[in-house]
C-alpha atoms as a PDB file:
ATOM      1  CA  MET A   1       0.097  -0.090   0.024  1.00  0.00           C
ATOM      2  CA  ALA A   2       1.386   3.298  -0.972  1.00  0.00           C
ATOM      3  CA  PRO A   3       2.084   6.019   1.731  1.00  0.00           C
ATOM      4  CA  GLN A   4      -0.667   8.492   2.321  1.00  0.00           C
ATOM      5  CA  SER A   5      -0.266  12.203   3.161  1.00  0.00           C
ATOM      6  CA  PHE A   6      -2.691  14.530   4.619  1.00  0.00           C
ATOM      7  CA  SER A   7      -1.935  18.229   5.129  1.00  0.00           C
ATOM      8  CA  GLY A   8      -3.662  21.091   7.322  1.00  0.00           C
ATOM      9  CA  ALA A   9      -3.491  22.427  10.753  1.00  0.00           C
ATOM     10  CA  ALA A  10      -6.783  20.722  11.635  1.00  0.00           C
ATOM     11  CA  THR A  11      -5.085  17.159  11.368  1.00  0.00           C
ATOM     12  CA  ARG A  12      -2.854  18.262  14.257  1.00  0.00           C
ATOM     13  CA  ILE A  13      -5.744  18.268  16.652  1.00  0.00           C
ATOM     14  CA  GLY A  14      -6.495  14.886  18.013  1.00  0.00           C
ATOM     15  CA  ALA A  15     -10.082  13.691  17.183  1.00  0.00           C
ATOM     16  CA  ALA A  16     -11.992  11.573  19.489  1.00  0.00           C
ATOM     17  CA  ALA A  17     -12.040   8.025  18.411  1.00  0.00           C
ATOM     18  CA  LEU A  18     -11.230   5.157  20.770  1.00  0.00           C
ATOM     19  CA  PHE A  19     -13.788   4.088  23.523  1.00  0.00           C
ATOM     20  CA  LEU A  20     -12.111   4.114  26.799  1.00  0.00           C
ATOM     21  CA  PHE A  21     -13.682   2.426  29.862  1.00  0.00           C
ATOM     22  CA  GLY A  22     -14.248   5.685  31.635  1.00  0.00           C
ATOM     23  CA  ILE A  23     -17.644   7.551  31.237  1.00  0.00           C
ATOM     24  CA  CYS A  24     -17.807  11.320  30.482  1.00  0.00           C
ATOM     25  CA  ALA A  25     -20.177  13.469  32.456  1.00  0.00           C
ATOM     26  CA  ASP A  26     -22.600  13.633  29.563  1.00  0.00           C
ATOM     27  CA  GLY A  27     -22.885   9.878  29.408  1.00  0.00           C
ATOM     28  CA  VAL A  28     -20.884   9.413  26.185  1.00  0.00           C
ATOM     29  CA  ALA A  29     -17.776   7.276  26.428  1.00  0.00           C
ATOM     30  CA  ALA A  30     -14.557   9.261  26.210  1.00  0.00           C
ATOM     31  CA  GLN A  31     -12.662   8.828  23.071  1.00  0.00           C
ATOM     32  CA  THR A  32      -9.010   9.326  22.124  1.00  0.00           C
ATOM     33  CA  CYS A  33      -6.744   9.679  18.873  1.00  0.00           C
ATOM     34  CA  PRO A  34      -3.243  10.266  18.056  1.00  0.00           C
ATOM     35  CA  ASP A  35      -2.122  13.511  20.050  1.00  0.00           C
ATOM     36  CA  VAL A  36       0.803  15.672  18.682  1.00  0.00           C
ATOM     37  CA  GLY A  37       0.686  17.755  21.865  1.00  0.00           C
ATOM     38  CA  LEU A  38       1.995  14.727  23.956  1.00  0.00           C
ATOM     39  CA  SER A  39       5.676  13.998  24.310  1.00  0.00           C
ATOM     40  CA  GLY A  40       7.446  11.087  22.942  1.00  0.00           C
ATOM     41  CA  ARG A  41      10.956   9.637  23.170  1.00  0.00           C
ATOM     42  CA  PRO A  42      13.251  12.352  21.957  1.00  0.00           C
ATOM     43  CA  LEU A  43      15.543  11.652  19.090  1.00  0.00           C
ATOM     44  CA  SER A  44      17.819  14.375  17.640  1.00  0.00           C
ATOM     45  CA  TYR A  45      19.866  13.757  14.427  1.00  0.00           C
ATOM     46  CA  SER A  46      21.392  15.832  11.689  1.00  0.00           C
ATOM     47  CA  ALA A  47      21.017  14.866   8.107  1.00  0.00           C
ATOM     48  CA  GLY A  48      24.561  13.659   7.944  1.00  0.00           C
ATOM     49  CA  GLN A  49      24.065  11.268  10.983  1.00  0.00           C
ATOM     50  CA  LEU A  50      21.387   9.581   9.088  1.00  0.00           C
ATOM     51  CA  THR A  51      23.220   8.939   5.747  1.00  0.00           C
ATOM     52  CA  GLY A  52      24.717   5.557   5.187  1.00  0.00           C
ATOM     53  CA  ALA A  53      23.311   2.865   7.286  1.00  0.00           C
ATOM     54  CA  GLY A  54      21.174   5.445   9.202  1.00  0.00           C
ATOM     55  CA  GLN A  55      20.139   4.961  12.824  1.00  0.00           C
ATOM     56  CA  THR A  56      17.943   2.322  14.304  1.00  0.00           C
ATOM     57  CA  VAL A  57      15.892   2.446  17.609  1.00  0.00           C
ATOM     58  CA  ASN A  58      13.867  -0.437  19.294  1.00  0.00           C
ATOM     59  CA  VAL A  59      10.368   0.099  20.087  1.00  0.00           C
ATOM     60  CA  MET A  60       7.190  -2.024  21.235  1.00  0.00           C
ATOM     61  CA  ALA A  61       4.858  -1.612  18.483  1.00  0.00           C
ATOM     62  CA  GLY A  62       0.990  -1.265  18.984  1.00  0.00           C
ATOM     63  CA  GLY A  63      -1.073   0.472  21.753  1.00  0.00           C
ATOM     64  CA  ASN A  64      -4.692   0.936  22.847  1.00  0.00           C
ATOM     65  CA  VAL A  65      -5.857   3.399  20.245  1.00  0.00           C
ATOM     66  CA  ASP A  66      -7.729   2.198  17.433  1.00  0.00           C
ATOM     67  CA  LEU A  67      -7.088   4.386  14.202  1.00  0.00           C
ATOM     68  CA  ARG A  68     -10.332   3.331  12.539  1.00  0.00           C
ATOM     69  CA  GLY A  69     -12.204   5.838  14.758  1.00  0.00           C
ATOM     70  CA  CYS A  70      -9.941   8.775  14.062  1.00  0.00           C
ATOM     71  CA  ALA A  71     -11.474  10.550  10.754  1.00  0.00           C
ATOM     72  CA  SER A  72      -8.850  13.221  10.989  1.00  0.00           C
ATOM     73  CA  VAL A  73      -5.894  10.971  10.893  1.00  0.00           C
ATOM     74  CA  PRO A  74      -5.160   8.494   8.027  1.00  0.00           C
ATOM     75  CA  GLY A  75      -4.741   4.884   8.179  1.00  0.00           C
ATOM     76  CA  HIS A  76      -5.864   1.895  10.434  1.00  0.00           C
ATOM     77  CA  GLY A  77      -4.122  -0.138  13.178  1.00  0.00           C
ATOM     78  CA  TRP A  78      -3.263   0.291  16.815  1.00  0.00           C
ATOM     79  CA  ILE A  79      -1.091   2.898  18.366  1.00  0.00           C
ATOM     80  CA  ILE A  80      -0.503   4.728  21.611  1.00  0.00           C
ATOM     81  CA  GLU A  81      -1.982   8.170  22.063  1.00  0.00           C
ATOM     82  CA  GLY A  82       1.331  10.261  22.190  1.00  0.00           C
ATOM     83  CA  PRO A  83       3.980   9.547  19.528  1.00  0.00           C
ATOM     84  CA  ASP A  84       6.589   6.878  20.247  1.00  0.00           C
ATOM     85  CA  PHE A  85       9.335   9.184  19.246  1.00  0.00           C
ATOM     86  CA  GLU A  86       9.949  12.957  18.594  1.00  0.00           C
ATOM     87  CA  LEU A  87      12.554  13.264  15.969  1.00  0.00           C
ATOM     88  CA  MET A  88      14.409  16.541  15.796  1.00  0.00           C
ATOM     89  CA  LEU A  89      15.909  16.821  12.253  1.00  0.00           C
ATOM     90  CA  SER A  90      18.485  19.273  11.605  1.00  0.00           C
ATOM     91  CA  ALA A  91      20.846  20.356   8.820  1.00  0.00           C
ATOM     92  CA  MET A  92      18.729  18.855   6.008  1.00  0.00           C
ATOM     93  CA  PRO A  93      19.981  20.051   2.634  1.00  0.00           C
ATOM     94  CA  PRO A  94      17.689  20.347  -0.488  1.00  0.00           C
ATOM     95  CA  GLY A  95      17.209  17.347  -2.518  1.00  0.00           C
ATOM     96  CA  GLN A  96      17.507  14.984   0.437  1.00  0.00           C
ATOM     97  CA  SER A  97      14.778  12.517   1.468  1.00  0.00           C
ATOM     98  CA  LEU A  98      14.114  11.122   5.039  1.00  0.00           C
ATOM     99  CA  THR A  99      12.907   7.415   4.966  1.00  0.00           C
ATOM    100  CA  LEU A 100      11.436   5.815   8.078  1.00  0.00           C
ATOM    101  CA  SER A 101      10.954   2.042   7.928  1.00  0.00           C
ATOM    102  CA  VAL A 102       9.953  -0.611  10.547  1.00  0.00           C
ATOM    103  CA  ASP A 103      10.952  -4.147  10.847  1.00  0.00           C
ATOM    104  CA  GLY A 104       8.477  -5.841  13.194  1.00  0.00           C
ATOM    105  CA  THR A 105       7.828  -9.362  14.497  1.00  0.00           C
ATOM    106  CA  CYS A 106       4.260  -8.818  13.524  1.00  0.00           C
ATOM    107  CA  ASP A 107       2.284  -6.944  10.959  1.00  0.00           C
ATOM    108  CA  ALA A 108       3.406  -3.315  11.742  1.00  0.00           C
ATOM    109  CA  VAL A 109       2.072   0.072  10.742  1.00  0.00           C
ATOM    110  CA  LEU A 110       3.713   3.418  10.685  1.00  0.00           C
ATOM    111  CA  LEU A 111       2.191   6.855  11.209  1.00  0.00           C
ATOM    112  CA  VAL A 112       4.142  10.131  10.934  1.00  0.00           C
ATOM    113  CA  ASN A 113       3.244  13.859  11.678  1.00  0.00           C
ATOM    114  CA  ASP A 114       5.970  15.712   9.924  1.00  0.00           C
ATOM    115  CA  ALA A 115       7.497  19.118  10.903  1.00  0.00           C
ATOM    116  CA  ARG A 116       5.082  20.910   8.686  1.00  0.00           C
ATOM    117  CA  GLY A 117       1.991  19.312  10.156  1.00  0.00           C
ATOM    118  CA  ARG A 118       1.226  16.878   7.438  1.00  0.00           C
ATOM    119  CA  TRP A 119       0.162  13.333   8.382  1.00  0.00           C
ATOM    120  CA  HIS A 120       1.657  10.262   6.435  1.00  0.00           C
ATOM    121  CA  TYR A 121       0.739   6.580   6.963  1.00  0.00           C
ATOM    122  CA  ASN A 122       1.808   3.184   5.552  1.00  0.00           C
ATOM    123  CA  ASP A 123       1.035  -0.512   6.280  1.00  0.00           C
ATOM    124  CA  ASP A 124       2.783  -2.707   3.989  1.00  0.00           C
ATOM    125  CA  ALA A 125       5.468  -1.724   1.670  1.00  0.00           C
ATOM    126  CA  GLY A 126       7.315  -3.791  -1.013  1.00  0.00           C
ATOM    127  CA  GLY A 127       5.098  -6.808  -0.786  1.00  0.00           C
ATOM    128  CA  THR A 128       6.019  -7.335   2.964  1.00  0.00           C
ATOM    129  CA  LEU A 129       4.143  -6.727   6.263  1.00  0.00           C
ATOM    130  CA  ASP A 130       6.493  -3.930   7.153  1.00  0.00           C
ATOM    131  CA  PRO A 131       5.820  -0.233   6.685  1.00  0.00           C
ATOM    132  CA  LEU A 132       8.008   2.336   4.991  1.00  0.00           C
ATOM    133  CA  ILE A 133       7.452   6.071   4.434  1.00  0.00           C
ATOM    134  CA  THR A 134       9.713   8.423   2.508  1.00  0.00           C
ATOM    135  CA  LEU A 135       9.576  12.027   2.933  1.00  0.00           C
ATOM    136  CA  PRO A 136      11.039  13.900  -0.180  1.00  0.00           C
ATOM    137  CA  GLY A 137      12.562  17.192   0.798  1.00  0.00           C
ATOM    138  CA  ALA A 138      11.844  16.625   4.398  1.00  0.00           C
ATOM    139  CA  SER A 139      11.836  19.794   6.526  1.00  0.00           C
ATOM    140  CA  ASN A 140      13.986  20.385   9.562  1.00  0.00           C
ATOM    141  CA  GLY A 141      12.207  20.293  12.842  1.00  0.00           C
ATOM    142  CA  VAL A 142      10.254  17.858  14.852  1.00  0.00           C
ATOM    143  CA  HIS A 143       8.622  14.858  13.300  1.00  0.00           C
ATOM    144  CA  ASP A 144       6.106  12.926  15.500  1.00  0.00           C
ATOM    145  CA  ILE A 145       6.406   9.126  14.941  1.00  0.00           C
ATOM    146  CA  TRP A 146       3.934   6.343  15.854  1.00  0.00           C
ATOM    147  CA  VAL A 147       5.028   2.615  15.380  1.00  0.00           C
ATOM    148  CA  GLY A 148       1.694   0.480  15.553  1.00  0.00           C
ATOM    149  CA  THR A 149       0.250  -2.772  14.679  1.00  0.00           C
ATOM    150  CA  PHE A 150      -2.426  -3.819  12.144  1.00  0.00           C
ATOM    151  CA  GLY A 151      -4.037  -6.140  14.962  1.00  0.00           C
ATOM    152  CA  ALA A 152      -4.565  -5.254  18.518  1.00  0.00           C
ATOM    153  CA  ALA A 153      -1.568  -7.153  20.046  1.00  0.00           C
ATOM    154  CA  THR A 154       1.703  -5.474  20.512  1.00  0.00           C
ATOM    155  CA  CYS A 155       4.983  -6.913  19.301  1.00  0.00           C
ATOM    156  CA  PRO A 156       8.828  -5.774  19.271  1.00  0.00           C
ATOM    157  CA  ALA A 157       9.984  -3.701  16.419  1.00  0.00           C
ATOM    158  CA  THR A 158      12.907  -1.753  15.124  1.00  0.00           C
ATOM    159  CA  LEU A 159      12.599   1.781  13.561  1.00  0.00           C
ATOM    160  CA  THR A 160      15.100   2.698  10.996  1.00  0.00           C
ATOM    161  CA  LEU A 161      15.852   6.325   9.946  1.00  0.00           C
ATOM    162  CA  HIS A 162      17.809   6.976   6.931  1.00  0.00           C
ATOM    163  CA  VAL A 163      18.553  10.139   4.630  1.00  0.00           C
ATOM    164  CA  SER A 164      19.412   9.871   1.035  1.00  0.00           C
ATOM    165  CA  GLY A 165      19.247  11.990  -2.212  1.00  0.00           C
ATOM    166  CA  THR A 166      21.615  13.474  -4.660  1.00  0.00           C
ATOM    167  CA  GLY A 167      24.566  12.232  -2.734  1.00  0.00           C
ATOM    168  CA  ALA A 168      25.515  12.421   0.842  1.00  0.00           C
ATOM    169  CA  ALA A 169      24.429  15.258   2.902  1.00  0.00           C
ATOM    170  CA  PRO A 170      27.143  17.973   2.969  1.00  0.00           C
ATOM    171  CA  PRO A 171      28.734  19.077   6.204  1.00  0.00           C
ATOM    172  CA  PRO A 172      27.395  22.091   7.894  1.00  0.00           C
ATOM    173  CA  PRO A 173      28.502  25.336   6.300  1.00  0.00           C
ATOM    174  CA  PRO A 174      31.146  27.495   8.251  1.00  0.00           C
ATOM    175  CA  SER A 175      28.404  29.814   9.479  1.00  0.00           C
ATOM    176  CA  ASN A 176      26.718  26.907  11.176  1.00  0.00           C
ATOM    177  CA  VAL A 177      23.096  27.714  10.019  1.00  0.00           C
ATOM    178  CA  VAL A 178      20.084  25.528  10.936  1.00  0.00           C
ATOM    179  CA  ARG A 179      16.421  26.160  10.233  1.00  0.00           C
ATOM    180  CA  PHE A 180      13.633  25.069  12.602  1.00  0.00           C
ATOM    181  CA  ASP A 181      10.311  24.946  10.929  1.00  0.00           C
ATOM    182  CA  LEU A 182       8.257  24.550  14.111  1.00  0.00           C
ATOM    183  CA  PRO A 183      10.538  24.948  17.051  1.00  0.00           C
ATOM    184  CA  ARG A 184       9.626  22.691  20.098  1.00  0.00           C
ATOM    185  CA  VAL A 185      10.886  22.215  23.677  1.00  0.00           C
ATOM    186  CA  ARG A 186       9.419  19.105  25.521  1.00  0.00           C
ATOM    187  CA  GLY A 187       6.837  18.740  22.597  1.00  0.00           C
ATOM    188  CA  GLU A 188       5.506  22.222  23.015  1.00  0.00           C
ATOM    189  CA  LEU A 189       5.703  25.004  20.414  1.00  0.00           C
ATOM    190  CA  VAL A 190       8.072  27.842  21.579  1.00  0.00           C
ATOM    191  CA  ASP A 191       6.412  31.171  22.376  1.00  0.00           C
ATOM    192  CA  TRP A 192       7.893  34.349  20.603  1.00  0.00           C
ATOM    193  CA  CYS A 193       8.352  35.847  24.042  1.00  0.00           C
ATOM    194  CA  VAL A 194      11.310  35.322  26.320  1.00  0.00           C
ATOM    195  CA  THR A 195       9.213  35.881  29.366  1.00  0.00           C
ATOM    196  CA  TRP A 196       5.358  36.361  29.608  1.00  0.00           C
ATOM    197  CA  GLY A 197       4.476  39.168  27.313  1.00  0.00           C
ATOM    198  CA  ALA A 198       8.169  40.603  27.299  1.00  0.00           C
ATOM    199  CA  ASP A 199      11.072  40.508  24.959  1.00  0.00           C
ATOM    200  CA  CYS A 200       8.899  39.134  22.091  1.00  0.00           C
ATOM    201  CA  GLY A 201       9.695  38.643  18.484  1.00  0.00           C
ATOM    202  CA  GLN A 202      13.479  38.962  17.748  1.00  0.00           C
ATOM    203  CA  GLY A 203      14.284  38.630  21.371  1.00  0.00           C
ATOM    204  CA  GLY A 204      12.301  35.277  21.627  1.00  0.00           C
ATOM    205  CA  ALA A 205      13.828  33.917  18.472  1.00  0.00           C
ATOM    206  CA  ASP A 206      17.402  34.863  19.759  1.00  0.00           C
ATOM    207  CA  ASN A 207      16.691  33.116  23.130  1.00  0.00           C
ATOM    208  CA  PHE A 208      15.420  29.970  21.275  1.00  0.00           C
ATOM    209  CA  CYS A 209      18.642  29.849  19.171  1.00  0.00           C
ATOM    210  CA  ARG A 210      20.802  30.411  22.097  1.00  0.00           C
ATOM    211  CA  SER A 211      19.147  27.517  23.906  1.00  0.00           C
ATOM    212  CA  GLN A 212      20.199  25.148  20.963  1.00  0.00           C
ATOM    213  CA  GLY A 213      23.766  26.452  21.081  1.00  0.00           C
ATOM    214  CA  TYR A 214      23.597  29.109  18.336  1.00  0.00           C
ATOM    215  CA  ALA A 215      24.415  32.709  18.661  1.00  0.00           C
ATOM    216  CA  ARG A 216      21.209  34.299  17.268  1.00  0.00           C
ATOM    217  CA  ALA A 217      18.303  34.203  15.021  1.00  0.00           C
ATOM    218  CA  GLU A 218      18.960  35.314  11.516  1.00  0.00           C
ATOM    219  CA  SER A 219      15.284  35.239  10.577  1.00  0.00           C
ATOM    220  CA  TRP A 220      11.932  33.935  12.044  1.00  0.00           C
ATOM    221  CA  GLU A 221       8.105  34.199  11.554  1.00  0.00           C
ATOM    222  CA  ARG A 222       5.252  34.680  13.926  1.00  0.00           C
ATOM    223  CA  PHE A 223       2.808  31.703  14.251  1.00  0.00           C
ATOM    224  CA  PRO A 224      -0.285  33.132  16.020  1.00  0.00           C
ATOM    225  CA  GLY A 225      -3.133  31.508  17.813  1.00  0.00           C
ATOM    226  CA  GLN A 226      -1.181  28.439  19.352  1.00  0.00           C
ATOM    227  CA  ARG A 227      -0.558  26.741  22.699  1.00  0.00           C
ATOM    228  CA  THR A 228       3.053  27.667  23.572  1.00  0.00           C
ATOM    229  CA  LEU A 229       5.865  27.303  26.203  1.00  0.00           C
ATOM    230  CA  VAL A 230       7.308  30.524  27.224  1.00  0.00           C
ATOM    231  CA  LEU A 231      11.050  29.529  27.703  1.00  0.00           C
ATOM    232  CA  GLY A 232      12.229  32.285  30.138  1.00  0.00           C
ATOM    233  CA  ASP A 233       9.466  31.599  32.610  1.00  0.00           C
ATOM    234  CA  ASP A 234       8.937  27.856  31.702  1.00  0.00           C
ATOM    235  CA  ARG A 235       5.291  28.445  31.774  1.00  0.00           C
ATOM    236  CA  ILE A 236       2.582  27.221  29.383  1.00  0.00           C
ATOM    237  CA  CYS A 237       0.098  29.294  27.469  1.00  0.00           C
ATOM    238  CA  PRO A 238      -2.779  27.064  26.992  1.00  0.00           C
ATOM    239  CA  GLY A 239      -3.994  28.685  23.727  1.00  0.00           C
ATOM    240  CA  GLY A 240      -4.282  31.870  21.460  1.00  0.00           C
ATOM    241  CA  CYS A 241      -0.500  32.764  22.118  1.00  0.00           C
ATOM    242  CA  ASP A 242       1.965  33.724  19.370  1.00  0.00           C
ATOM    243  CA  ALA A 243       4.530  31.039  18.617  1.00  0.00           C
ATOM    244  CA  LEU A 244       7.753  31.072  16.442  1.00  0.00           C
ATOM    245  CA  ARG A 245       8.031  29.158  13.062  1.00  0.00           C
ATOM    246  CA  ASP A 246      10.709  28.934  10.270  1.00  0.00           C
ATOM    247  CA  VAL A 247      13.391  30.101  12.765  1.00  0.00           C
ATOM    248  CA  VAL A 248      16.957  30.224  11.251  1.00  0.00           C
ATOM    249  CA  CYS A 249      19.619  29.928  13.973  1.00  0.00           C
ATOM    250  CA  THR A 250      23.102  30.942  13.013  1.00  0.00           C
ATOM    251  CA  GLY A 251      26.621  31.573  14.437  1.00  0.00           C
ATOM    252  CA  SER A 252      28.417  29.288  17.094  1.00  0.00           C
ATOM    253  CA  GLY A 253      27.286  30.152  20.577  1.00  0.00           C
ATOM    254  CA  GLY A 254      29.137  27.463  22.115  1.00  0.00           C
ATOM    255  CA  ALA A 255      27.606  24.645  24.083  1.00  0.00           C
ATOM    256  CA  ALA A 256      23.852  25.212  24.838  1.00  0.00           C
ATOM    257  CA  PRO A 257      23.328  27.011  28.256  1.00  0.00           C
ATOM    258  CA  PRO A 258      22.583  24.873  31.328  1.00  0.00           C
ATOM    259  CA  PRO A 259      18.878  24.515  32.378  1.00  0.00           C
ATOM    260  CA  PRO A 260      17.494  27.134  34.854  1.00  0.00           C
ATOM    261  CA  PRO A 261      18.105  26.188  38.451  1.00  0.00           C
ATOM    262  CA  SER A 262      14.425  25.384  38.942  1.00  0.00           C
ATOM    263  CA  LEU A 263      12.594  23.443  36.126  1.00  0.00           C
ATOM    264  CA  GLN A 264       8.885  23.012  35.719  1.00  0.00           C
ATOM    265  CA  GLN A 265       6.868  20.944  33.220  1.00  0.00           C
ATOM    266  CA  THR A 266       3.052  20.717  33.047  1.00  0.00           C
ATOM    267  CA  PHE A 267       1.306  17.353  32.267  1.00  0.00           C
ATOM    268  CA  ALA A 268      -2.179  18.007  30.964  1.00  0.00           C
ATOM    269  CA  VAL A 269      -3.340  14.471  31.312  1.00  0.00           C
ATOM    270  CA  PRO A 270      -0.421  12.334  32.938  1.00  0.00           C
ATOM    271  CA  ARG A 271      -0.320   8.827  31.419  1.00  0.00           C
ATOM    272  CA  VAL A 272       2.050   5.676  32.094  1.00  0.00           C
ATOM    273  CA  ARG A 273       1.988   3.104  29.338  1.00  0.00           C
ATOM    274  CA  GLY A 274      -1.002   4.765  27.779  1.00  0.00           C
ATOM    275  CA  GLU A 275      -3.078   4.712  30.979  1.00  0.00           C
ATOM    276  CA  ILE A 276      -4.259   7.845  32.834  1.00  0.00           C
ATOM    277  CA  VAL A 277      -2.316   7.994  36.251  1.00  0.00           C
ATOM    278  CA  ASP A 278      -4.589   7.514  39.398  1.00  0.00           C
ATOM    279  CA  TRP A 279      -4.472  10.106  42.068  1.00  0.00           C
ATOM    280  CA  CYS A 280      -3.478   7.547  44.678  1.00  0.00           C
ATOM    281  CA  VAL A 281      -0.065   6.229  45.266  1.00  0.00           C
ATOM    282  CA  THR A 282      -1.648   2.755  46.194  1.00  0.00           C
ATOM    283  CA  TRP A 283      -5.148   1.401  45.942  1.00  0.00           C
ATOM    284  CA  GLY A 284      -7.309   3.970  47.966  1.00  0.00           C
ATOM    285  CA  ALA A 285      -4.269   5.426  49.846  1.00  0.00           C
ATOM    286  CA  ASP A 286      -2.026   8.474  49.848  1.00  0.00           C
ATOM    287  CA  CYS A 287      -4.305  10.257  47.327  1.00  0.00           C
ATOM    288  CA  GLY A 288      -4.260  13.721  46.016  1.00  0.00           C
ATOM    289  CA  GLN A 289      -0.993  15.480  46.773  1.00  0.00           C
ATOM    290  CA  GLY A 290       0.686  12.251  47.463  1.00  0.00           C
ATOM    291  CA  GLY A 291      -0.343  10.672  44.039  1.00  0.00           C
ATOM    292  CA  ALA A 292       0.753  13.809  42.246  1.00  0.00           C
ATOM    293  CA  ASP A 293       4.091  14.025  44.026  1.00  0.00           C
ATOM    294  CA  ASN A 294       4.647  10.251  43.300  1.00  0.00           C
ATOM    295  CA  PHE A 295       3.928  10.949  39.604  1.00  0.00           C
ATOM    296  CA  CYS A 296       6.373  13.773  39.434  1.00  0.00           C
ATOM    297  CA  ARG A 297       9.142  11.948  41.157  1.00  0.00           C
ATOM    298  CA  SER A 298       8.686   9.135  38.783  1.00  0.00           C
ATOM    299  CA  HIS A 299       9.695  11.768  35.932  1.00  0.00           C
ATOM    300  CA  GLY A 300      12.650  12.967  37.858  1.00  0.00           C
ATOM    301  CA  TYR A 301      11.077  15.925  39.565  1.00  0.00           C
ATOM    302  CA  ALA A 302      11.022  16.628  43.253  1.00  0.00           C
ATOM    303  CA  ARG A 303       7.204  17.262  43.828  1.00  0.00           C
ATOM    304  CA  ALA A 304       3.945  18.493  42.316  1.00  0.00           C
ATOM    305  CA  GLU A 305       3.594  22.215  42.652  1.00  0.00           C
ATOM    306  CA  SER A 306      -0.192  22.034  41.687  1.00  0.00           C
ATOM    307  CA  TRP A 307      -2.606  19.465  40.204  1.00  0.00           C
ATOM    308  CA  GLU A 308      -6.295  18.804  39.520  1.00  0.00           C
ATOM    309  CA  ARG A 309      -8.686  15.775  40.246  1.00  0.00           C
ATOM    310  CA  PHE A 310     -10.036  14.090  36.986  1.00  0.00           C
ATOM    311  CA  PRO A 311     -12.899  11.884  38.185  1.00  0.00           C
ATOM    312  CA  GLY A 312     -14.757   9.057  36.553  1.00  0.00           C
ATOM    313  CA  GLN A 313     -11.674   7.546  34.674  1.00  0.00           C
ATOM    314  CA  ARG A 314      -9.855   4.257  33.921  1.00  0.00           C
ATOM    315  CA  THR A 315      -6.674   4.727  35.655  1.00  0.00           C
ATOM    316  CA  LEU A 316      -3.335   3.151  36.602  1.00  0.00           C
ATOM    317  CA  VAL A 317      -2.387   3.113  40.364  1.00  0.00           C
ATOM    318  CA  LEU A 318       1.291   3.493  40.080  1.00  0.00           C
ATOM    319  CA  GLY A 319       2.228   2.047  43.484  1.00  0.00           C
ATOM    320  CA  ASP A 320       0.446  -1.164  42.955  1.00  0.00           C
ATOM    321  CA  ASP A 321       0.756  -1.262  39.204  1.00  0.00           C
ATOM    322  CA  ARG A 322      -2.946  -2.063  39.092  1.00  0.00           C
ATOM    323  CA  ILE A 323      -5.793  -0.922  36.627  1.00  0.00           C
ATOM    324  CA  CYS A 324      -8.964   0.623  37.888  1.00  0.00           C
ATOM    325  CA  PRO A 325     -11.219  -0.297  34.960  1.00  0.00           C
ATOM    326  CA  GLY A 326     -13.661   2.837  35.430  1.00  0.00           C
ATOM    327  CA  GLY A 327     -15.053   5.342  37.800  1.00  0.00           C
ATOM    328  CA  CYS A 328     -11.839   6.204  39.488  1.00  0.00           C
ATOM    329  CA  ASP A 329     -10.116   9.608  40.081  1.00  0.00           C
ATOM    330  CA  GLY A 330      -7.284  10.402  37.868  1.00  0.00           C
ATOM    331  CA  LEU A 331      -4.792  13.293  37.686  1.00  0.00           C
ATOM    332  CA  ARG A 332      -4.705  16.221  35.189  1.00  0.00           C
ATOM    333  CA  ASN A 333      -2.888  19.629  34.848  1.00  0.00           C
ATOM    334  CA  VAL A 334      -0.043  18.317  37.178  1.00  0.00           C
ATOM    335  CA  VAL A 335       2.777  20.946  37.367  1.00  0.00           C
ATOM    336  CA  CYS A 336       5.948  19.152  38.471  1.00  0.00           C
ATOM    337  CA  THR A 337       9.044  21.303  39.691  1.00  0.00           C
ATOM    338  CA  ASP A 338      12.204  20.735  41.262  1.00  0.00           C
END
């Protein structure tokens, strides 16, 4: 089956599709679809690092999201809600193509949301049960990747990333220039302000470039109406804010600066292995702040600064590693901090 491509910003908004066990307040079963707003395992490669044999990573293919119910996303099969991987591709020259392929122990499928927000899907390539997607003229930036299965069962698989084209990718130019089509940090679009409402535009673009080890932003564009991460404050703007796009970073700024002494991260709907995290540490015990703190510590933070109760859900109780099949209290909008 030939790869399919879908464009448009609307495809980046997860549509409801898969029935969960929890029941929403209006009596309709909650649904879920691939969500580019969730974080995946980070991968960062330049085009030069993906020439020749390319790079391979292991993954457990499949998940609990049935693509048949996701009208805004192409394909069929089973995946997890958040991407398996977030590939940050850089130094991609003209005339080069990015190829993603999967070698699975079962009938695997491959879903990609590229750096320009377009969806791509493939099931069987070259008469095999393994998928392959080629992105001609792939853009620099974040590519979200899901490795799924045609059936509901999961299986071990290997993802291979390879760049090819009219010869090997050239080395970076002396000026050390790289373009970020949609700059992201921890999966969030970068706000065009350094701090909340201050030093916006060139200041925000320069700040992003310096965080990536470059001296300054040579050019950039405003991307209005987005959910963003304000880097200087490490704060989330939930919507309607101005992000950066098509940022061209240049100059050698040395190593990227160290992270600020106090880091925060917001988890809108915390999940582990695709399941919403219960607000209790163990079954019916140490609930609320204890459950939120426990989740944050499992992600390398010291504690939860704030959180909200998410009632009526199917949840995973982390301390017992037990599933509550429905009607339990989960966590949402958890702010983890050092």
